[in-house]
Amino acid sequence: MKNTLKVGVVQQCCNDNQQDNHNHSESQIRKLAKDGAQLILLQELHSGLYFCQTENTDHFDQAEALDGKSAQHFSAIALELDIVLVISIFEKRSAGLYHNTALVIDKHLGVIGKYRKMHIPDDPGFYEKFYFTPGDHQNPFLPIQTSVGKLGVLVCWDQWYPEAARLMALKGAEILLYPTAIGWDLNDESDEQIRQQNAWQIIQQSHAVANGVPVVVANRVGFEKSEAAVDDNDGIKFWGNSFICGPQGEILVKADSESQTTLLADLDMQRSENVRRIWPFLRDRRIDAYNDLTQRFRD
């Protein structure tokens, strides 16, 4: 791991044309690489619309193999630009078996690792359990070693679970990365929308603080109308606000809630070592007293 790592994030709107979305992502990746980015994160399911607003078996046609069009397209870009890319795909593993999967692409090595989303939501407008099987990694929450460091890659709903972040950190993750697709129901009151967005940012900053590592978040932006819409407000207004924070949760750079944009930040990787020396949370953990964490609920 170099002392300083330049990290980029792409925040974009998506439509129903995969090639259009890939072309936009590529243009932003090239811009970031020109500015020196060594590691770039794309948002969750960036190849198309967020189809999980409804349950529709036709959407399974969008799924692709691990070595499919997305992997090939972005592997060629990573090779040309000499960068590490984290992308997101709707993976078809087999007939009737699909995952929400992040792929890590490392320069000339191509795809060197994958992470299949572990926590799958099932809420109004986010019917992901209909589409995605939870990850069944033999060694779950295992960081992926790359040429720029050991990456703890998690996906969207995983970001609400401190256990996932902790396990990645305990296994040596030097950065936590969250490709994300989250937004507002426009029928909610504005105060509730603000509370939701603040909670989303706070929980991820807390993972940085509790584990002494930087956190990188890419969220999509723009309004996507539901297929089942009965009025113009039926859909999700993705709230953007992608950000990068340091190991004390300090915001280094942050996007707004409207713009297609990129973020770029220099991560001082020595800070994690320094922060953990003054806040030795890993030292003071009472691992002898945590057995109940493996239970669903303590009745």
Protein backbone atom coordinates (compact mmCIF):
# COMPACT_ATOMS: atom_id res chain seq x y z
CA MET A 1 0.00 0.00 0.00
CA LYS A 2 1.33 3.40 -1.02
CA ASN A 3 1.23 6.20 1.55
CA THR A 4 -1.13 8.21 -0.64
CA LEU A 5 -3.85 6.73 -2.83
CA LYS A 6 -5.92 8.83 -5.23
CA VAL A 7 -9.48 7.48 -5.28
CA GLY A 8 -12.33 8.37 -7.62
CA VAL A 9 -16.11 7.89 -7.58
CA VAL A 10 -18.64 8.09 -10.41
CA GLN A 11 -22.18 9.28 -9.59
CA GLN A 12 -24.58 9.03 -12.52
CA CYS A 13 -28.15 8.74 -13.77
CA CYS A 14 -29.07 5.57 -15.61
CA ASN A 15 -31.52 4.69 -18.37
CA ASP A 16 -32.65 1.41 -19.92
CA ASN A 17 -29.85 1.30 -22.51
CA GLN A 18 -26.81 -0.58 -21.24
CA GLN A 19 -24.47 0.82 -23.87
CA ASP A 20 -25.46 4.41 -23.06
CA ASN A 21 -24.80 3.80 -19.38
CA HIS A 22 -21.47 2.11 -20.07
CA ASN A 23 -20.43 4.96 -22.35
CA HIS A 24 -21.20 7.55 -19.68
CA SER A 25 -19.37 5.55 -17.00
CA GLU A 26 -16.39 5.18 -19.31
CA SER A 27 -16.21 8.91 -20.03
CA GLN A 28 -16.17 9.67 -16.29
CA ILE A 29 -13.60 6.96 -15.60
CA ARG A 30 -11.34 8.44 -18.24
CA LYS A 31 -11.75 11.89 -16.74
CA LEU A 32 -10.82 10.61 -13.28
CA ALA A 33 -7.87 8.60 -14.57
CA LYS A 34 -6.58 11.66 -16.42
CA ASP A 35 -6.67 13.48 -13.08
CA GLY A 36 -4.60 10.74 -11.48
CA ALA A 37 -7.16 8.35 -9.96
CA GLN A 38 -5.67 4.95 -9.21
CA LEU A 39 -8.83 3.35 -7.81
CA ILE A 40 -12.33 4.14 -9.12
CA LEU A 41 -15.70 3.00 -7.76
CA LEU A 42 -18.92 2.83 -9.80
CA GLN A 43 -22.40 2.74 -8.26
CA GLU A 44 -24.65 -0.28 -7.76
CA LEU A 45 -26.24 -1.79 -10.91
CA HIS A 46 -24.90 1.00 -13.09
CA SER A 47 -25.64 -0.81 -16.38
CA GLY A 48 -29.35 -0.01 -16.33
CA LEU A 49 -32.39 1.19 -14.43
CA TYR A 50 -32.99 0.03 -10.88
CA PHE A 51 -35.43 -2.72 -11.89
CA CYS A 52 -36.13 -3.92 -8.33
CA GLN A 53 -38.96 -1.42 -7.86
CA THR A 54 -41.30 -4.18 -9.07
CA GLU A 55 -41.30 -7.97 -9.32
CA ASN A 56 -41.07 -8.85 -13.01
CA THR A 57 -39.51 -12.05 -14.31
CA ASP A 58 -38.65 -10.35 -17.62
CA HIS A 59 -35.91 -8.43 -15.82
CA PHE A 60 -33.89 -11.62 -15.37
CA ASP A 61 -33.04 -11.23 -19.06
CA GLN A 62 -30.73 -8.36 -18.03
CA ALA A 63 -28.46 -10.62 -15.97
CA GLU A 64 -25.04 -11.56 -17.28
CA ALA A 65 -22.19 -13.93 -16.54
CA LEU A 66 -19.18 -12.94 -14.47
CA ASP A 67 -17.19 -12.72 -17.70
CA GLY A 68 -19.98 -11.05 -19.64
CA LYS A 69 -20.20 -7.76 -21.51
CA SER A 70 -19.72 -5.52 -18.48
CA ALA A 71 -16.64 -7.36 -17.22
CA GLN A 72 -15.09 -7.37 -20.68
CA HIS A 73 -15.85 -3.70 -21.34
CA PHE A 74 -14.48 -2.38 -18.07
CA SER A 75 -11.53 -4.78 -17.98
CA ALA A 76 -10.34 -3.29 -21.26
CA ILE A 77 -10.62 0.20 -19.78
CA ALA A 78 -8.74 -0.75 -16.59
CA LEU A 79 -5.97 -2.29 -18.71
CA GLU A 80 -5.67 0.74 -20.97
CA LEU A 81 -5.71 3.28 -18.14
CA ASP A 82 -3.64 1.21 -15.68
CA ILE A 83 -6.20 1.54 -12.87
CA VAL A 84 -8.20 -0.55 -10.43
CA LEU A 85 -11.96 -0.50 -11.02
CA VAL A 86 -14.83 -1.72 -8.84
CA ILE A 87 -17.97 -2.30 -10.90
CA SER A 88 -21.42 -3.76 -10.23
CA ILE A 89 -23.36 -6.35 -12.23
CA PHE A 90 -26.62 -8.31 -12.13
CA GLU A 91 -25.01 -11.74 -12.20
CA LYS A 92 -26.56 -14.86 -13.73
CA ARG A 93 -24.81 -17.72 -11.99
CA SER A 94 -27.14 -20.40 -13.35
CA ALA A 95 -30.73 -20.77 -14.49
CA GLY A 96 -32.85 -19.42 -11.63
CA LEU A 97 -29.79 -18.34 -9.59
CA TYR A 98 -28.87 -14.68 -9.66
CA HIS A 99 -26.72 -12.35 -7.56
CA ASN A 100 -26.06 -8.65 -7.06
CA THR A 101 -22.30 -8.78 -7.54
CA ALA A 102 -19.39 -6.37 -7.35
CA LEU A 103 -16.32 -7.15 -9.45
CA VAL A 104 -12.81 -5.90 -8.76
CA ILE A 105 -10.73 -5.34 -11.89
CA ASP A 106 -7.00 -4.81 -11.45
CA LYS A 107 -5.13 -3.21 -14.35
CA HIS A 108 -3.65 -5.90 -16.64
CA LEU A 109 -4.85 -8.73 -14.39
CA GLY A 110 -8.52 -8.31 -15.28
CA VAL A 111 -11.19 -9.45 -12.82
CA ILE A 112 -9.33 -10.63 -9.73
CA GLY A 113 -12.17 -10.91 -7.24
CA LYS A 114 -15.93 -10.72 -6.68
CA TYR A 115 -18.28 -9.98 -3.83
CA ARG A 116 -21.89 -11.15 -3.92
CA LYS A 117 -24.19 -8.93 -1.88
CA MET A 118 -24.93 -10.59 1.45
CA HIS A 119 -27.78 -8.53 2.93
CA ILE A 120 -30.78 -8.43 0.58
CA PRO A 121 -33.65 -6.00 1.29
CA ASP A 122 -37.32 -6.62 0.62
CA ASP A 123 -39.17 -3.34 1.05
CA PRO A 124 -41.65 -1.32 -1.04
CA GLY A 125 -39.75 -0.22 -4.13
CA PHE A 126 -36.74 -2.36 -3.22
CA TYR A 127 -37.92 -5.92 -3.94
CA GLU A 128 -34.43 -7.36 -4.17
CA LYS A 129 -35.20 -10.73 -2.59
CA PHE A 130 -37.25 -11.52 -5.72
CA TYR A 131 -34.12 -11.15 -7.84
CA PHE A 132 -31.00 -11.80 -5.78
CA THR A 133 -29.72 -14.80 -3.87
CA PRO A 134 -27.52 -13.76 -0.91
CA GLY A 135 -23.81 -14.35 -1.32
CA ASP A 136 -22.60 -17.78 -0.25
CA HIS A 137 -18.88 -17.14 -0.16
CA GLN A 138 -16.90 -19.88 1.55
CA ASN A 139 -15.10 -17.15 3.49
CA PRO A 140 -17.64 -14.31 3.74
CA PHE A 141 -16.62 -10.67 4.11
CA LEU A 142 -13.13 -11.36 2.78
CA PRO A 143 -11.19 -8.33 1.43
CA ILE A 144 -9.75 -8.51 -2.06
CA GLN A 145 -6.01 -7.92 -2.44
CA THR A 146 -5.23 -5.55 -5.30
CA SER A 147 -2.21 -3.66 -6.58
CA VAL A 148 -3.39 -0.57 -4.65
CA GLY A 149 -4.25 -2.28 -1.38
CA LYS A 150 -6.68 -4.65 0.29
CA LEU A 151 -10.26 -3.63 -0.54
CA GLY A 152 -13.28 -4.42 1.62
CA VAL A 153 -16.03 -4.36 -1.01
CA LEU A 154 -19.64 -4.43 0.20
CA VAL A 155 -22.89 -3.52 -1.60
CA CYS A 156 -25.66 -1.06 -0.65
CA TRP A 157 -27.87 -2.72 2.03
CA ASP A 158 -24.67 -4.19 3.51
CA GLN A 159 -23.80 -0.62 4.51
CA TRP A 160 -26.31 -0.65 7.38
CA TYR A 161 -24.63 -3.59 9.13
CA PRO A 162 -21.65 -2.86 11.38
CA GLU A 163 -20.89 -6.59 11.51
CA ALA A 164 -20.03 -6.64 7.80
CA ALA A 165 -17.70 -3.64 8.05
CA ARG A 166 -16.06 -5.02 11.19
CA LEU A 167 -15.40 -8.44 9.68
CA MET A 168 -13.85 -6.85 6.60
CA ALA A 169 -11.61 -4.74 8.83
CA LEU A 170 -10.66 -7.70 11.03
CA LYS A 171 -9.55 -9.54 7.91
CA GLY A 172 -7.30 -6.68 6.88
CA ALA A 173 -9.39 -4.36 4.68
CA GLU A 174 -7.57 -1.06 4.24
CA ILE A 175 -10.55 0.69 2.59
CA LEU A 176 -14.29 -0.03 2.69
CA LEU A 177 -16.16 0.54 -0.58
CA TYR A 178 -19.94 0.68 -1.01
CA PRO A 179 -21.55 0.78 -4.47
CA THR A 180 -25.11 1.90 -3.72
CA ALA A 181 -28.59 2.57 -5.11
CA ILE A 182 -30.72 4.34 -2.52
CA GLY A 183 -33.17 7.18 -2.67
CA TRP A 184 -36.36 8.82 -1.50
CA ASP A 185 -40.02 8.03 -1.91
CA LEU A 186 -41.31 11.38 -3.12
CA ASN A 187 -44.50 10.82 -1.14
CA ASP A 188 -42.55 11.04 2.13
CA GLU A 189 -42.43 14.29 4.05
CA SER A 190 -39.28 16.35 3.54
CA ASP A 191 -38.27 15.93 7.20
CA GLU A 192 -38.40 12.15 6.82
CA GLN A 193 -36.34 12.31 3.65
CA ILE A 194 -33.69 14.33 5.47
CA ARG A 195 -33.63 11.87 8.38
CA GLN A 196 -33.17 8.95 6.01
CA GLN A 197 -30.32 10.54 4.10
CA ASN A 198 -28.57 11.67 7.29
CA ALA A 199 -28.87 8.19 8.78
CA TRP A 200 -27.39 6.68 5.62
CA GLN A 201 -24.36 8.96 5.76
CA ILE A 202 -23.88 8.65 9.51
CA ILE A 203 -23.91 4.84 9.56
CA GLN A 204 -21.19 4.71 6.92
CA GLN A 205 -19.07 7.35 8.62
CA SER A 206 -19.43 5.27 11.78
CA HIS A 207 -17.88 2.29 10.00
CA ALA A 208 -14.87 4.46 9.25
CA VAL A 209 -14.63 5.58 12.88
CA ALA A 210 -15.19 2.16 14.47
CA ASN A 211 -12.65 0.47 12.23
CA GLY A 212 -10.15 3.24 11.57
CA VAL A 213 -10.33 2.94 7.76
CA PRO A 214 -11.44 5.22 4.91
CA VAL A 215 -14.89 4.66 3.38
CA VAL A 216 -15.76 5.25 -0.29
CA VAL A 217 -19.43 5.45 -1.34
CA ALA A 218 -20.92 5.70 -4.85
CA ASN A 219 -24.68 6.29 -5.06
CA ARG A 220 -26.81 6.80 -8.16
CA VAL A 221 -28.78 9.95 -8.85
CA GLY A 222 -31.95 10.96 -10.70
CA PHE A 223 -35.63 9.97 -10.62
CA GLU A 224 -36.61 6.53 -11.92
CA LYS A 225 -40.33 6.00 -12.34
CA SER A 226 -41.80 2.69 -11.20
CA GLU A 227 -43.25 0.35 -13.81
CA ALA A 228 -46.31 0.14 -11.56
CA ALA A 229 -46.69 3.92 -11.25
CA VAL A 230 -50.18 5.37 -10.95
CA ASP A 231 -48.97 8.95 -10.61
CA ASP A 232 -45.84 10.97 -11.37
CA ASN A 233 -44.44 10.54 -7.86
CA ASP A 234 -44.39 6.73 -7.98
CA GLY A 235 -40.75 5.83 -8.22
CA ILE A 236 -37.45 6.50 -6.52
CA LYS A 237 -35.59 9.79 -6.42
CA PHE A 238 -32.05 8.54 -5.92
CA TRP A 239 -30.36 10.98 -3.62
CA GLY A 240 -26.76 10.85 -4.81
CA ASN A 241 -24.57 12.40 -2.08
CA SER A 242 -21.73 10.02 -2.87
CA PHE A 243 -18.79 10.69 -0.59
CA ILE A 244 -15.32 9.71 0.54
CA CYS A 245 -14.35 9.96 4.19
CA GLY A 246 -11.21 9.32 6.19
CA PRO A 247 -10.62 6.93 9.11
CA GLN A 248 -12.14 9.30 11.66
CA GLY A 249 -15.25 9.73 9.54
CA GLU A 250 -14.10 13.11 8.27
CA ILE A 251 -15.71 13.99 4.94
CA LEU A 252 -13.01 14.56 2.34
CA VAL A 253 -15.30 15.15 -0.63
CA LYS A 254 -19.04 14.83 -1.23
CA ALA A 255 -21.45 15.13 -4.16
CA ASP A 256 -24.87 16.79 -4.18
CA SER A 257 -28.28 15.14 -4.60
CA GLU A 258 -28.88 16.18 -8.22
CA SER A 259 -25.74 16.09 -10.34
CA GLN A 260 -24.07 13.51 -12.48
CA THR A 261 -20.55 14.06 -11.27
CA THR A 262 -17.27 12.60 -10.15
CA LEU A 263 -15.37 12.77 -6.88
CA LEU A 264 -11.62 12.60 -6.38
CA ALA A 265 -9.70 12.48 -3.11
CA ASP A 266 -6.21 11.71 -1.89
CA LEU A 267 -6.32 9.12 0.87
CA ASP A 268 -3.44 9.26 3.33
CA MET A 269 -3.17 5.56 4.05
CA GLN A 270 -0.80 6.14 6.97
CA ARG A 271 -3.65 7.84 8.82
CA SER A 272 -5.31 4.50 9.54
CA GLU A 273 -2.24 3.37 11.43
CA ASN A 274 -2.01 6.65 13.32
CA VAL A 275 -5.72 6.78 14.15
CA ARG A 276 -5.75 3.19 15.41
CA ARG A 277 -2.86 4.03 17.74
CA ILE A 278 -4.81 6.78 19.48
CA TRP A 279 -8.22 5.04 19.25
CA PRO A 280 -7.32 1.34 19.76
CA PHE A 281 -10.84 -0.04 19.38
CA LEU A 282 -9.56 -3.37 18.09
CA ARG A 283 -7.36 -3.75 21.17
CA ASP A 284 -10.19 -3.11 23.62
CA ARG A 285 -12.84 -5.32 22.05
CA ARG A 286 -14.32 -7.80 24.56
CA ILE A 287 -14.36 -10.79 22.24
CA ASP A 288 -15.05 -13.02 25.24
CA ALA A 289 -18.45 -11.36 25.71
CA TYR A 290 -19.86 -11.22 22.19
CA ASN A 291 -21.24 -14.74 21.70
CA ASP A 292 -24.83 -13.50 21.59
CA LEU A 293 -24.12 -11.62 18.35
CA THR A 294 -24.59 -14.88 16.47
CA GLN A 295 -28.21 -15.11 17.65
CA ARG A 296 -31.08 -13.50 15.72
CA PHE A 297 -32.49 -11.97 18.90
CA ARG A 298 -32.02 -12.52 22.62
CA ASP A 299 -35.45 -13.57 23.94
